[in-house]
Amino acid sequence: MVDVSVLLYPVSFVLEEGPPRLVTLCERGGGTPTASAEEAVDATAHSLLREVLSDLGADLDQDSDEAFRVDMLALCSRFVTLAGTHLERNSVQLIYTATVPVPLAERYLDVIAGSSHDWRTINQSRRRGKTRTEPERRQGPDTIVLDFWRQLFEETDMALDFLPEYLSLHQLRSLYDAVWGYSQDPSGFKRWAVDRRGAFRELLDEVGDAASVETEFYSALGSRLPADQAARAGALAGGDLGKAAGSSLALPLGMTAAVTSNRLVRHRGPEPTWFRKSDSWHQGPTWIENVYPPRPSWTRWDTHPVAQR
């Protein structure tokens, strides 16, 4: 008799700690959340996701953060789908994947504190000559999930599901860096994503005033938290997030950033151009007209030795 099991890969991205990474929620020690398949395998996958998410932030106050737990479940349950199947001896593994929005996987938020789960890297952006990562060397569930997301990122607008309402082009490109395992050509990515029709141009509106991005974030904090907690969370977000946010504010900060604007970490240099998802965008995936052609950053013409003569 062949056993059938459901493996769940709730995936997200880490953009602030070194090279961008595609990560998945896993059990402590690296195990993939698994359940015996019932007749309704989709329902089994959703049930498994609820179990995983309910464990996050286990040491948070149950009453004050319940609204954020509900919001997190709603966000992460919008896209739960079968990525592929894998044969393992006498068993068939049905591999499901789900979206966990940015920045909930960032270490400074620490939403896994006190839980029995952790984040595990599936793929990350690497330097030239080191683009082949371990999951791609072996055929297995990790490879199936990675290939699934690569195809979606090539052919649909699914990358926007991971990002908040306000986003920068750098954040968007970093998702592609993580999925393909190398830095994408910035100028080529911009031309494909927003300068030409058929990709994200009709789905994003440029935000003229960058201050409105931050205003939206703090407004959301104030509307979702008691005044004293909102003040502490705002001070933390406006200061140094190098250390963990702390259990009482990690989930509220993360959820607010996930649905408004990811402004928790500031970087040196000029303010990036910000975009807002337009009314044309809907929870995906929606097929786009122009398929994305992955292009490493080191193929840029303006950095080629011949072009610099």
C-alpha atoms as a PDB file:
ATOM      1  CA  MET A   1       0.000   0.000   0.000  1.00  0.00           C
ATOM      2  CA  VAL A   2       1.291   3.436  -0.949  1.00  0.00           C
ATOM      3  CA  ASP A   3       1.207   6.103   1.755  1.00  0.00           C
ATOM      4  CA  VAL A   4       0.232   9.621   0.731  1.00  0.00           C
ATOM      5  CA  SER A   5       1.416  12.595   2.784  1.00  0.00           C
ATOM      6  CA  VAL A   6       1.217  16.371   2.523  1.00  0.00           C
ATOM      7  CA  LEU A   7       4.406  18.424   2.881  1.00  0.00           C
ATOM      8  CA  LEU A   8       3.960  22.141   3.500  1.00  0.00           C
ATOM      9  CA  TYR A   9       6.377  24.884   2.427  1.00  0.00           C
ATOM     10  CA  PRO A  10       5.230  28.307   3.717  1.00  0.00           C
ATOM     11  CA  VAL A  11       7.801  30.511   1.953  1.00  0.00           C
ATOM     12  CA  SER A  12       8.960  34.061   2.519  1.00  0.00           C
ATOM     13  CA  PHE A  13      12.013  36.228   1.887  1.00  0.00           C
ATOM     14  CA  VAL A  14      14.803  37.668   4.016  1.00  0.00           C
ATOM     15  CA  LEU A  15      16.014  40.898   2.438  1.00  0.00           C
ATOM     16  CA  GLU A  16      17.906  42.670   5.227  1.00  0.00           C
ATOM     17  CA  GLU A  17      20.477  40.115   6.400  1.00  0.00           C
ATOM     18  CA  GLY A  18      23.098  39.730   3.715  1.00  0.00           C
ATOM     19  CA  PRO A  19      22.184  38.380   0.263  1.00  0.00           C
ATOM     20  CA  PRO A  20      18.426  38.029  -0.353  1.00  0.00           C
ATOM     21  CA  ARG A  21      17.146  34.574   0.594  1.00  0.00           C
ATOM     22  CA  LEU A  22      14.088  32.450  -0.160  1.00  0.00           C
ATOM     23  CA  VAL A  23      13.176  30.755   3.123  1.00  0.00           C
ATOM     24  CA  THR A  24      10.552  28.351   4.417  1.00  0.00           C
ATOM     25  CA  LEU A  25       8.992  27.808   7.817  1.00  0.00           C
ATOM     26  CA  CYS A  26      10.190  24.492   9.158  1.00  0.00           C
ATOM     27  CA  GLU A  27      10.245  22.560  12.390  1.00  0.00           C
ATOM     28  CA  ARG A  28      13.135  23.075  14.785  1.00  0.00           C
ATOM     29  CA  GLY A  29      15.934  20.969  13.385  1.00  0.00           C
ATOM     30  CA  GLY A  30      14.897  21.531   9.785  1.00  0.00           C
ATOM     31  CA  GLY A  31      12.008  19.106   9.354  1.00  0.00           C
ATOM     32  CA  THR A  32       9.259  19.997   6.882  1.00  0.00           C
ATOM     33  CA  PRO A  33       5.716  20.259   8.340  1.00  0.00           C
ATOM     34  CA  THR A  34       3.998  17.032   7.277  1.00  0.00           C
ATOM     35  CA  ALA A  35       0.590  15.422   7.691  1.00  0.00           C
ATOM     36  CA  SER A  36      -1.022  12.229   6.461  1.00  0.00           C
ATOM     37  CA  ALA A  37      -3.177  13.032   3.451  1.00  0.00           C
ATOM     38  CA  GLU A  38      -6.919  12.754   3.823  1.00  0.00           C
ATOM     39  CA  GLU A  39      -9.402  12.658   0.978  1.00  0.00           C
ATOM     40  CA  ALA A  40      -9.490  16.463   0.789  1.00  0.00           C
ATOM     41  CA  VAL A  41      -5.757  17.077   0.458  1.00  0.00           C
ATOM     42  CA  ASP A  42      -6.241  20.843  -0.031  1.00  0.00           C
ATOM     43  CA  ALA A  43      -8.033  21.002   3.315  1.00  0.00           C
ATOM     44  CA  THR A  44      -5.208  19.009   4.884  1.00  0.00           C
ATOM     45  CA  ALA A  45      -2.678  21.562   3.603  1.00  0.00           C
ATOM     46  CA  HIS A  46      -4.731  24.493   4.948  1.00  0.00           C
ATOM     47  CA  SER A  47      -5.114  22.783   8.299  1.00  0.00           C
ATOM     48  CA  LEU A  48      -1.373  22.166   8.473  1.00  0.00           C
ATOM     49  CA  LEU A  49      -0.709  25.824   7.695  1.00  0.00           C
ATOM     50  CA  ARG A  50      -3.045  26.935  10.499  1.00  0.00           C
ATOM     51  CA  GLU A  51      -1.171  24.706  12.931  1.00  0.00           C
ATOM     52  CA  VAL A  52       2.194  26.141  11.900  1.00  0.00           C
ATOM     53  CA  LEU A  53       1.080  29.774  12.065  1.00  0.00           C
ATOM     54  CA  SER A  54      -0.713  29.381  15.388  1.00  0.00           C
ATOM     55  CA  ASP A  55       2.593  28.312  16.886  1.00  0.00           C
ATOM     56  CA  LEU A  56       4.411  31.496  15.848  1.00  0.00           C
ATOM     57  CA  GLY A  57       5.031  34.015  18.573  1.00  0.00           C
ATOM     58  CA  ALA A  58       4.042  31.424  21.133  1.00  0.00           C
ATOM     59  CA  ASP A  59       5.293  33.554  24.017  1.00  0.00           C
ATOM     60  CA  LEU A  60       3.252  36.612  23.019  1.00  0.00           C
ATOM     61  CA  ASP A  61       0.288  37.768  25.053  1.00  0.00           C
ATOM     62  CA  GLN A  62      -2.692  35.848  23.691  1.00  0.00           C
ATOM     63  CA  ASP A  63      -5.283  38.594  24.192  1.00  0.00           C
ATOM     64  CA  SER A  64      -3.484  41.692  22.940  1.00  0.00           C
ATOM     65  CA  ASP A  65      -2.071  40.030  19.840  1.00  0.00           C
ATOM     66  CA  GLU A  66      -5.002  37.879  18.795  1.00  0.00           C
ATOM     67  CA  ALA A  67      -6.046  40.350  16.078  1.00  0.00           C
ATOM     68  CA  PHE A  68      -2.588  40.154  14.536  1.00  0.00           C
ATOM     69  CA  ARG A  69      -2.676  36.357  14.649  1.00  0.00           C
ATOM     70  CA  VAL A  70      -5.958  36.412  12.733  1.00  0.00           C
ATOM     71  CA  ASP A  71      -4.518  38.884  10.224  1.00  0.00           C
ATOM     72  CA  MET A  72      -1.427  36.749   9.749  1.00  0.00           C
ATOM     73  CA  LEU A  73      -3.507  33.652   9.077  1.00  0.00           C
ATOM     74  CA  ALA A  74      -5.625  35.579   6.561  1.00  0.00           C
ATOM     75  CA  LEU A  75      -2.544  36.913   4.748  1.00  0.00           C
ATOM     76  CA  CYS A  76      -0.819  33.550   4.579  1.00  0.00           C
ATOM     77  CA  SER A  77      -3.933  31.622   3.556  1.00  0.00           C
ATOM     78  CA  ARG A  78      -4.591  33.612   0.397  1.00  0.00           C
ATOM     79  CA  PHE A  79      -2.365  31.368  -1.680  1.00  0.00           C
ATOM     80  CA  VAL A  80      -1.923  27.739  -0.701  1.00  0.00           C
ATOM     81  CA  THR A  81      -1.403  25.464  -3.678  1.00  0.00           C
ATOM     82  CA  LEU A  82       0.108  22.212  -4.881  1.00  0.00           C
ATOM     83  CA  ALA A  83       3.654  22.788  -6.151  1.00  0.00           C
ATOM     84  CA  GLY A  84       4.317  19.209  -7.258  1.00  0.00           C
ATOM     85  CA  THR A  85       4.693  15.611  -6.155  1.00  0.00           C
ATOM     86  CA  HIS A  86       7.686  13.581  -5.038  1.00  0.00           C
ATOM     87  CA  LEU A  87       8.125   9.817  -4.730  1.00  0.00           C
ATOM     88  CA  GLU A  88       9.946   8.707  -1.590  1.00  0.00           C
ATOM     89  CA  ARG A  89      10.311   4.914  -1.376  1.00  0.00           C
ATOM     90  CA  ASN A  90       6.772   3.569  -0.873  1.00  0.00           C
ATOM     91  CA  SER A  91       5.152   6.942  -0.330  1.00  0.00           C
ATOM     92  CA  VAL A  92       3.869   9.796  -2.444  1.00  0.00           C
ATOM     93  CA  GLN A  93       4.536  13.280  -1.104  1.00  0.00           C
ATOM     94  CA  LEU A  94       2.158  16.047  -2.159  1.00  0.00           C
ATOM     95  CA  ILE A  95       4.167  19.259  -1.843  1.00  0.00           C
ATOM     96  CA  TYR A  96       2.143  22.347  -1.035  1.00  0.00           C
ATOM     97  CA  THR A  97       3.461  25.888  -0.755  1.00  0.00           C
ATOM     98  CA  ALA A  98       2.037  29.110   0.693  1.00  0.00           C
ATOM     99  CA  THR A  99       2.991  32.782   0.816  1.00  0.00           C
ATOM    100  CA  VAL A 100       4.252  34.445   3.996  1.00  0.00           C
ATOM    101  CA  PRO A 101       4.647  38.189   3.374  1.00  0.00           C
ATOM    102  CA  VAL A 102       7.788  40.240   3.879  1.00  0.00           C
ATOM    103  CA  PRO A 103       9.148  41.109   6.474  1.00  0.00           C
ATOM    104  CA  LEU A 104       7.868  38.384   8.797  1.00  0.00           C
ATOM    105  CA  ALA A 105      10.985  36.238   8.232  1.00  0.00           C
ATOM    106  CA  GLU A 106      13.432  38.952   9.274  1.00  0.00           C
ATOM    107  CA  ARG A 107      15.411  38.060  12.377  1.00  0.00           C
ATOM    108  CA  TYR A 108      14.951  41.427  14.060  1.00  0.00           C
ATOM    109  CA  LEU A 109      11.202  40.748  14.301  1.00  0.00           C
ATOM    110  CA  ASP A 110      11.725  37.265  15.752  1.00  0.00           C
ATOM    111  CA  VAL A 111       8.118  36.107  15.308  1.00  0.00           C
ATOM    112  CA  ILE A 112       9.331  32.531  15.825  1.00  0.00           C
ATOM    113  CA  ALA A 113      10.439  33.285  19.391  1.00  0.00           C
ATOM    114  CA  GLY A 114       9.180  30.652  21.789  1.00  0.00           C
ATOM    115  CA  SER A 115       7.708  28.555  18.995  1.00  0.00           C
ATOM    116  CA  SER A 116       8.709  25.111  17.754  1.00  0.00           C
ATOM    117  CA  HIS A 117       9.428  26.448  14.253  1.00  0.00           C
ATOM    118  CA  ASP A 118      12.299  28.151  12.502  1.00  0.00           C
ATOM    119  CA  TRP A 119      13.204  29.594   9.091  1.00  0.00           C
ATOM    120  CA  ARG A 120      15.295  27.494   6.719  1.00  0.00           C
ATOM    121  CA  THR A 121      16.967  28.816   3.578  1.00  0.00           C
ATOM    122  CA  ILE A 122      15.954  27.151   0.312  1.00  0.00           C
ATOM    123  CA  ASN A 123      17.918  29.419  -1.997  1.00  0.00           C
ATOM    124  CA  GLN A 124      19.918  32.639  -1.781  1.00  0.00           C
ATOM    125  CA  SER A 125      21.634  35.116  -4.036  1.00  0.00           C
ATOM    126  CA  ARG A 126      25.316  34.291  -4.487  1.00  0.00           C
ATOM    127  CA  ARG A 127      28.337  35.818  -6.142  1.00  0.00           C
ATOM    128  CA  ARG A 128      29.329  35.144  -9.728  1.00  0.00           C
ATOM    129  CA  GLY A 129      30.606  31.625 -10.173  1.00  0.00           C
ATOM    130  CA  LYS A 130      28.754  30.399  -7.066  1.00  0.00           C
ATOM    131  CA  THR A 131      25.183  30.364  -8.289  1.00  0.00           C
ATOM    132  CA  ARG A 132      24.509  26.648  -8.022  1.00  0.00           C
ATOM    133  CA  THR A 133      23.101  25.987  -4.566  1.00  0.00           C
ATOM    134  CA  GLU A 134      22.727  22.745  -2.650  1.00  0.00           C
ATOM    135  CA  PRO A 135      18.948  22.285  -3.216  1.00  0.00           C
ATOM    136  CA  GLU A 136      19.572  22.417  -6.973  1.00  0.00           C
ATOM    137  CA  ARG A 137      22.173  19.658  -6.841  1.00  0.00           C
ATOM    138  CA  ARG A 138      19.671  17.139  -5.537  1.00  0.00           C
ATOM    139  CA  GLN A 139      16.216  16.356  -6.797  1.00  0.00           C
ATOM    140  CA  GLY A 140      13.729  16.619  -3.957  1.00  0.00           C
ATOM    141  CA  PRO A 141      10.958  18.744  -2.433  1.00  0.00           C
ATOM    142  CA  ASP A 142      13.215  21.812  -2.097  1.00  0.00           C
ATOM    143  CA  THR A 143      14.010  21.713  -5.811  1.00  0.00           C
ATOM    144  CA  ILE A 144      10.356  21.261  -6.721  1.00  0.00           C
ATOM    145  CA  VAL A 145       9.336  24.273  -4.615  1.00  0.00           C
ATOM    146  CA  LEU A 146      12.155  26.405  -6.017  1.00  0.00           C
ATOM    147  CA  ASP A 147      11.268  25.542  -9.621  1.00  0.00           C
ATOM    148  CA  PHE A 148       7.605  26.234  -8.897  1.00  0.00           C
ATOM    149  CA  TRP A 149       8.307  29.758  -7.640  1.00  0.00           C
ATOM    150  CA  ARG A 150      10.728  30.463 -10.470  1.00  0.00           C
ATOM    151  CA  GLN A 151       8.034  29.681 -12.999  1.00  0.00           C
ATOM    152  CA  LEU A 152       5.498  31.862 -11.183  1.00  0.00           C
ATOM    153  CA  PHE A 153       7.964  34.750 -10.993  1.00  0.00           C
ATOM    154  CA  GLU A 154       8.718  34.406 -14.701  1.00  0.00           C
ATOM    155  CA  GLU A 155       5.142  34.228 -15.916  1.00  0.00           C
ATOM    156  CA  THR A 156       2.904  35.918 -13.328  1.00  0.00           C
ATOM    157  CA  ASP A 157       2.710  38.913 -10.988  1.00  0.00           C
ATOM    158  CA  MET A 158       2.955  36.634  -7.944  1.00  0.00           C
ATOM    159  CA  ALA A 159       5.999  38.453  -6.520  1.00  0.00           C
ATOM    160  CA  LEU A 160       3.719  41.314  -5.499  1.00  0.00           C
ATOM    161  CA  ASP A 161       1.849  38.999  -3.119  1.00  0.00           C
ATOM    162  CA  PHE A 162       4.934  38.904  -0.881  1.00  0.00           C
ATOM    163  CA  LEU A 163       5.321  42.690  -0.677  1.00  0.00           C
ATOM    164  CA  PRO A 164       3.228  45.290   1.165  1.00  0.00           C
ATOM    165  CA  GLU A 165       1.005  47.888  -0.435  1.00  0.00           C
ATOM    166  CA  TYR A 166       3.946  50.315  -0.676  1.00  0.00           C
ATOM    167  CA  LEU A 167       7.158  48.890  -2.107  1.00  0.00           C
ATOM    168  CA  SER A 168      10.382  49.856  -3.837  1.00  0.00           C
ATOM    169  CA  LEU A 169      11.761  48.423  -7.051  1.00  0.00           C
ATOM    170  CA  HIS A 170      14.829  47.279  -5.112  1.00  0.00           C
ATOM    171  CA  GLN A 171      12.658  45.178  -2.812  1.00  0.00           C
ATOM    172  CA  LEU A 172      10.879  43.660  -5.795  1.00  0.00           C
ATOM    173  CA  ARG A 173      14.137  42.872  -7.601  1.00  0.00           C
ATOM    174  CA  SER A 174      15.591  41.326  -4.439  1.00  0.00           C
ATOM    175  CA  LEU A 175      12.894  38.655  -4.539  1.00  0.00           C
ATOM    176  CA  TYR A 176      14.093  37.678  -8.001  1.00  0.00           C
ATOM    177  CA  ASP A 177      17.712  37.711  -6.767  1.00  0.00           C
ATOM    178  CA  ALA A 178      16.775  35.200  -4.073  1.00  0.00           C
ATOM    179  CA  VAL A 179      14.744  32.919  -6.337  1.00  0.00           C
ATOM    180  CA  TRP A 180      17.383  32.697  -9.083  1.00  0.00           C
ATOM    181  CA  GLY A 181      20.405  32.672  -6.808  1.00  0.00           C
ATOM    182  CA  TYR A 182      22.226  35.636  -8.341  1.00  0.00           C
ATOM    183  CA  SER A 183      21.817  39.413  -8.553  1.00  0.00           C
ATOM    184  CA  GLN A 184      19.598  40.495 -11.414  1.00  0.00           C
ATOM    185  CA  ASP A 185      20.707  43.275 -13.758  1.00  0.00           C
ATOM    186  CA  PRO A 186      19.132  46.423 -12.198  1.00  0.00           C
ATOM    187  CA  SER A 187      18.657  48.375 -15.434  1.00  0.00           C
ATOM    188  CA  GLY A 188      17.326  45.357 -17.324  1.00  0.00           C
ATOM    189  CA  PHE A 189      14.953  44.510 -14.483  1.00  0.00           C
ATOM    190  CA  LYS A 190      13.610  48.070 -14.346  1.00  0.00           C
ATOM    191  CA  ARG A 191      12.999  48.118 -18.091  1.00  0.00           C
ATOM    192  CA  TRP A 192      11.106  44.843 -17.879  1.00  0.00           C
ATOM    193  CA  ALA A 193       9.180  45.575 -14.678  1.00  0.00           C
ATOM    194  CA  VAL A 194       7.973  49.179 -14.996  1.00  0.00           C
ATOM    195  CA  ASP A 195       9.330  50.893 -18.102  1.00  0.00           C
ATOM    196  CA  ARG A 196       7.547  48.649 -20.579  1.00  0.00           C
ATOM    197  CA  ARG A 197       4.031  47.313 -20.743  1.00  0.00           C
ATOM    198  CA  GLY A 198       3.219  43.717 -19.992  1.00  0.00           C
ATOM    199  CA  ALA A 199       4.792  43.178 -16.561  1.00  0.00           C
ATOM    200  CA  PHE A 200       4.198  45.400 -13.486  1.00  0.00           C
ATOM    201  CA  ARG A 201       3.769  48.776 -15.177  1.00  0.00           C
ATOM    202  CA  GLU A 202      -0.045  48.721 -15.017  1.00  0.00           C
ATOM    203  CA  LEU A 203      -0.028  47.211 -11.529  1.00  0.00           C
ATOM    204  CA  LEU A 204       2.088  49.839  -9.756  1.00  0.00           C
ATOM    205  CA  ASP A 205       1.600  53.592  -9.332  1.00  0.00           C
ATOM    206  CA  GLU A 206       4.653  55.695  -8.536  1.00  0.00           C
ATOM    207  CA  VAL A 207       4.417  57.536  -5.224  1.00  0.00           C
ATOM    208  CA  GLY A 208       5.495  61.134  -5.667  1.00  0.00           C
ATOM    209  CA  ASP A 209       6.046  61.911  -1.984  1.00  0.00           C
ATOM    210  CA  ALA A 210       8.159  59.330  -0.161  1.00  0.00           C
ATOM    211  CA  ALA A 211       7.011  60.769   3.183  1.00  0.00           C
ATOM    212  CA  SER A 212       3.531  59.383   2.575  1.00  0.00           C
ATOM    213  CA  VAL A 213       4.979  55.874   2.707  1.00  0.00           C
ATOM    214  CA  GLU A 214       6.214  56.366   6.235  1.00  0.00           C
ATOM    215  CA  THR A 215       3.050  58.215   7.239  1.00  0.00           C
ATOM    216  CA  GLU A 216       0.962  55.244   6.149  1.00  0.00           C
ATOM    217  CA  PHE A 217       3.064  52.894   8.262  1.00  0.00           C
ATOM    218  CA  TYR A 218       2.781  54.943  11.450  1.00  0.00           C
ATOM    219  CA  SER A 219      -0.903  55.583  10.843  1.00  0.00           C
ATOM    220  CA  ALA A 220      -1.483  51.835  10.638  1.00  0.00           C
ATOM    221  CA  LEU A 221       0.438  51.301  13.877  1.00  0.00           C
ATOM    222  CA  GLY A 222      -1.671  53.911  15.649  1.00  0.00           C
ATOM    223  CA  SER A 223      -4.929  52.436  14.438  1.00  0.00           C
ATOM    224  CA  ARG A 224      -4.090  48.870  15.412  1.00  0.00           C
ATOM    225  CA  LEU A 225      -2.349  49.227  18.776  1.00  0.00           C
ATOM    226  CA  PRO A 226      -3.112  50.907  22.107  1.00  0.00           C
ATOM    227  CA  ALA A 227      -1.468  54.316  22.354  1.00  0.00           C
ATOM    228  CA  ASP A 228       1.350  53.225  24.670  1.00  0.00           C
ATOM    229  CA  GLN A 229       2.258  50.196  22.529  1.00  0.00           C
ATOM    230  CA  ALA A 230       1.991  52.231  19.315  1.00  0.00           C
ATOM    231  CA  ALA A 231       4.393  54.804  20.745  1.00  0.00           C
ATOM    232  CA  ARG A 232       6.934  52.130  21.693  1.00  0.00           C
ATOM    233  CA  ALA A 233       6.581  50.386  18.358  1.00  0.00           C
ATOM    234  CA  GLY A 234       6.946  53.668  16.472  1.00  0.00           C
ATOM    235  CA  ALA A 235      10.056  54.612  18.426  1.00  0.00           C
ATOM    236  CA  LEU A 236      11.549  51.196  17.761  1.00  0.00           C
ATOM    237  CA  ALA A 237      10.798  51.343  14.039  1.00  0.00           C
ATOM    238  CA  GLY A 238      12.215  54.854  13.813  1.00  0.00           C
ATOM    239  CA  GLY A 239      15.368  53.922  15.697  1.00  0.00           C
ATOM    240  CA  ASP A 240      17.596  50.869  15.661  1.00  0.00           C
ATOM    241  CA  LEU A 241      16.118  47.496  14.792  1.00  0.00           C
ATOM    242  CA  GLY A 242      19.490  45.799  14.955  1.00  0.00           C
ATOM    243  CA  LYS A 243      18.253  43.898  17.980  1.00  0.00           C
ATOM    244  CA  ALA A 244      15.077  41.832  18.122  1.00  0.00           C
ATOM    245  CA  ALA A 245      11.911  43.875  18.509  1.00  0.00           C
ATOM    246  CA  GLY A 246      10.838  41.943  21.574  1.00  0.00           C
ATOM    247  CA  SER A 247       7.985  39.500  21.929  1.00  0.00           C
ATOM    248  CA  SER A 248       5.297  42.064  22.731  1.00  0.00           C
ATOM    249  CA  LEU A 249       5.869  44.135  19.589  1.00  0.00           C
ATOM    250  CA  ALA A 250       7.343  41.701  17.063  1.00  0.00           C
ATOM    251  CA  LEU A 251       4.069  40.478  15.600  1.00  0.00           C
ATOM    252  CA  PRO A 252       2.312  43.899  15.527  1.00  0.00           C
ATOM    253  CA  LEU A 253       5.330  45.524  13.862  1.00  0.00           C
ATOM    254  CA  GLY A 254       5.688  42.737  11.343  1.00  0.00           C
ATOM    255  CA  MET A 255       2.009  42.629  10.417  1.00  0.00           C
ATOM    256  CA  THR A 256       1.806  46.405  10.044  1.00  0.00           C
ATOM    257  CA  ALA A 257       4.838  46.415   7.755  1.00  0.00           C
ATOM    258  CA  ALA A 258       3.505  43.448   5.788  1.00  0.00           C
ATOM    259  CA  VAL A 259       0.266  45.209   4.880  1.00  0.00           C
ATOM    260  CA  THR A 260       1.406  48.849   4.575  1.00  0.00           C
ATOM    261  CA  SER A 261       5.044  49.664   3.875  1.00  0.00           C
ATOM    262  CA  ASN A 262       8.209  47.813   4.797  1.00  0.00           C
ATOM    263  CA  ARG A 263      10.016  50.765   6.393  1.00  0.00           C
ATOM    264  CA  LEU A 264      11.492  49.033   9.410  1.00  0.00           C
ATOM    265  CA  VAL A 265      15.114  49.251   8.273  1.00  0.00           C
ATOM    266  CA  ARG A 266      16.707  52.333   6.749  1.00  0.00           C
ATOM    267  CA  HIS A 267      19.744  52.342   4.522  1.00  0.00           C
ATOM    268  CA  ARG A 268      22.287  54.945   3.561  1.00  0.00           C
ATOM    269  CA  GLY A 269      22.052  56.623   0.200  1.00  0.00           C
ATOM    270  CA  PRO A 270      19.305  58.389  -1.705  1.00  0.00           C
ATOM    271  CA  GLU A 271      15.667  57.655  -0.973  1.00  0.00           C
ATOM    272  CA  PRO A 272      14.405  54.965  -3.369  1.00  0.00           C
ATOM    273  CA  THR A 273      11.470  55.509  -5.675  1.00  0.00           C
ATOM    274  CA  TRP A 274       8.374  54.104  -4.025  1.00  0.00           C
ATOM    275  CA  PHE A 275       5.403  52.494  -5.711  1.00  0.00           C
ATOM    276  CA  ARG A 276       1.927  51.587  -4.560  1.00  0.00           C
ATOM    277  CA  LYS A 277      -0.094  48.669  -5.837  1.00  0.00           C
ATOM    278  CA  SER A 278      -2.759  49.994  -8.173  1.00  0.00           C
ATOM    279  CA  ASP A 279      -6.421  49.008  -8.371  1.00  0.00           C
ATOM    280  CA  SER A 280      -5.481  46.812 -11.351  1.00  0.00           C
ATOM    281  CA  TRP A 281      -3.588  44.436  -9.075  1.00  0.00           C
ATOM    282  CA  HIS A 282      -5.426  41.556  -7.433  1.00  0.00           C
ATOM    283  CA  GLN A 283      -4.265  38.725  -5.227  1.00  0.00           C
ATOM    284  CA  GLY A 284      -2.517  36.457  -7.681  1.00  0.00           C
ATOM    285  CA  PRO A 285      -1.364  34.781  -9.579  1.00  0.00           C
ATOM    286  CA  THR A 286      -2.253  36.690 -12.741  1.00  0.00           C
ATOM    287  CA  TRP A 287      -0.435  35.832 -15.955  1.00  0.00           C
ATOM    288  CA  ILE A 288       1.633  38.672 -17.400  1.00  0.00           C
ATOM    289  CA  GLU A 289       2.187  39.452 -21.065  1.00  0.00           C
ATOM    290  CA  ASN A 290       5.986  39.604 -21.036  1.00  0.00           C
ATOM    291  CA  VAL A 291       7.761  36.621 -19.496  1.00  0.00           C
ATOM    292  CA  TYR A 292      10.703  37.599 -17.305  1.00  0.00           C
ATOM    293  CA  PRO A 293      14.139  36.735 -18.761  1.00  0.00           C
ATOM    294  CA  PRO A 294      16.580  36.183 -15.827  1.00  0.00           C
ATOM    295  CA  ARG A 295      19.690  38.264 -16.439  1.00  0.00           C
ATOM    296  CA  PRO A 296      22.725  38.326 -14.093  1.00  0.00           C
ATOM    297  CA  SER A 297      23.967  41.741 -13.013  1.00  0.00           C
ATOM    298  CA  TRP A 298      27.461  41.017 -14.383  1.00  0.00           C
ATOM    299  CA  THR A 299      26.071  40.980 -17.952  1.00  0.00           C
ATOM    300  CA  ARG A 300      25.319  44.707 -17.790  1.00  0.00           C
ATOM    301  CA  TRP A 301      26.760  46.559 -20.787  1.00  0.00           C
ATOM    302  CA  ASP A 302      27.841  49.611 -18.791  1.00  0.00           C
ATOM    303  CA  THR A 303      30.016  47.456 -16.504  1.00  0.00           C
ATOM    304  CA  HIS A 304      31.618  45.445 -19.308  1.00  0.00           C
ATOM    305  CA  PRO A 305      35.365  46.198 -19.843  1.00  0.00           C
ATOM    306  CA  VAL A 306      34.759  46.977 -23.526  1.00  0.00           C
ATOM    307  CA  ALA A 307      32.108  49.537 -22.658  1.00  0.00           C
ATOM    308  CA  GLN A 308      34.498  51.341 -20.277  1.00  0.00           C
ATOM    309  CA  ARG A 309      37.257  51.970 -22.833  1.00  0.00           C
END
